[in-house]
Every structure is written in structure tokens, then in C-alpha cells.
Amino acid sequence: MSWVSFHSTVAAEEMAFGEVEGDEIVFRGDGAERSWSGTRRRNLPAAVTPHTTHHDVRIDLAVEGELG
């Protein structure tokens, strides 16, 4: 089997959210049980509140999954 690996970082001096919708990564297929994703956040709670401004924000995202 083959794997896909995606890592990304977003940083901002200031970040605010208008309407907040769900954020979810869903794995489907035979490799779903061996796939994972996760975030590490700085100055940003796991559940953000609409119209709240956050400062000195950083989000690290990792997604790894089996293909096929």
C-alpha cells in the first residue's frame, strides 16, 4: 500500500472568525482505520467563538493516510 502525508503550518499576528462551521477530516475506504490527522495550536482554542479575535496564532496540521 502507498501512503500520503500532508503537513502544513499557518501563522498570523491576528485571526478572527465570522460564522463558525464544523471542521472535520474524514477518512474512507480500506485504509481509514490506519489513517490519522491532528493539529497543534498556539493561542487558538480547539473550539473557536464567532467574532472573537485571537493574537499571535499558529496552527500546525498533519494528515497521514493509506491509499488504496
Protein backbone atom coordinates (compact mmCIF):
# COMPACT_ATOMS: atom_id res chain seq x y z
CA MET A 1 0.00 0.00 0.00
CA SER A 2 1.01 3.61 -0.54
CA TRP A 3 0.81 6.47 1.95
CA VAL A 4 0.07 10.15 1.62
CA SER A 5 1.47 12.60 4.15
CA PHE A 6 0.47 16.27 4.35
CA HIS A 7 1.85 18.80 6.84
CA SER A 8 1.02 22.50 6.90
CA THR A 9 1.56 25.49 9.17
CA VAL A 10 -0.43 28.72 9.31
CA ALA A 11 0.67 31.68 11.42
CA ALA A 12 -0.97 35.07 11.89
CA GLU A 13 -0.49 38.15 14.03
CA GLU A 14 -4.28 38.38 14.30
CA MET A 15 -7.10 35.99 13.37
CA ALA A 16 -10.88 36.27 13.74
CA PHE A 17 -13.76 34.07 12.60
CA GLY A 18 -17.19 35.19 11.43
CA GLU A 19 -19.60 32.29 11.33
CA VAL A 20 -18.04 29.12 12.69
CA GLU A 21 -18.82 25.85 10.94
CA GLY A 22 -17.58 22.38 11.77
CA ASP A 23 -14.13 21.28 10.71
CA GLU A 24 -13.63 17.59 10.24
CA ILE A 25 -11.32 15.34 8.26
CA VAL A 26 -12.96 12.05 7.32
CA PHE A 27 -11.08 9.03 6.01
CA ARG A 28 -12.97 6.50 3.92
CA GLY A 29 -12.13 3.14 2.40
CA ASP A 30 -9.93 0.25 3.44
CA GLY A 31 -7.10 2.41 4.84
CA ALA A 32 -9.31 4.60 7.06
CA GLU A 33 -8.51 2.74 10.28
CA ARG A 34 -4.77 3.23 9.70
CA SER A 35 -5.05 6.94 8.85
CA TRP A 36 -4.96 9.92 11.21
CA SER A 37 -4.95 13.70 11.45
CA GLY A 38 -4.18 16.16 14.20
CA THR A 39 -3.45 19.79 14.97
CA ARG A 40 -1.24 21.65 17.39
CA ARG A 41 -2.45 25.19 18.13
CA ARG A 42 -0.87 28.21 19.77
CA ASN A 43 -3.18 30.92 21.16
CA LEU A 44 -6.21 29.38 19.47
CA PRO A 45 -8.71 27.18 21.35
CA ALA A 46 -9.91 23.87 19.90
CA ALA A 47 -13.42 25.34 19.58
CA VAL A 48 -13.33 28.96 18.43
CA THR A 49 -16.04 31.51 19.23
CA PRO A 50 -17.57 33.62 16.45
CA HIS A 51 -16.41 37.25 16.27
CA THR A 52 -13.54 36.73 18.73
CA THR A 53 -10.08 37.98 17.74
CA HIS A 54 -7.03 35.88 18.61
CA HIS A 55 -3.45 37.19 18.52
CA ASP A 56 -0.08 35.58 17.70
CA VAL A 57 -1.76 32.44 16.33
CA ARG A 58 -0.10 29.35 14.91
CA ILE A 59 -1.72 26.12 13.70
CA ASP A 60 0.25 23.03 12.69
CA LEU A 61 -1.77 20.41 10.80
CA ALA A 62 -0.71 16.85 9.99
CA VAL A 63 -2.72 14.38 7.89
CA GLU A 64 -1.46 10.91 7.04
CA GLY A 65 -3.38 8.18 5.32
CA GLU A 66 -3.12 4.92 3.49
CA LEU A 67 -4.10 4.93 -0.18
CA GLY A 68 -5.83 2.03 -1.75
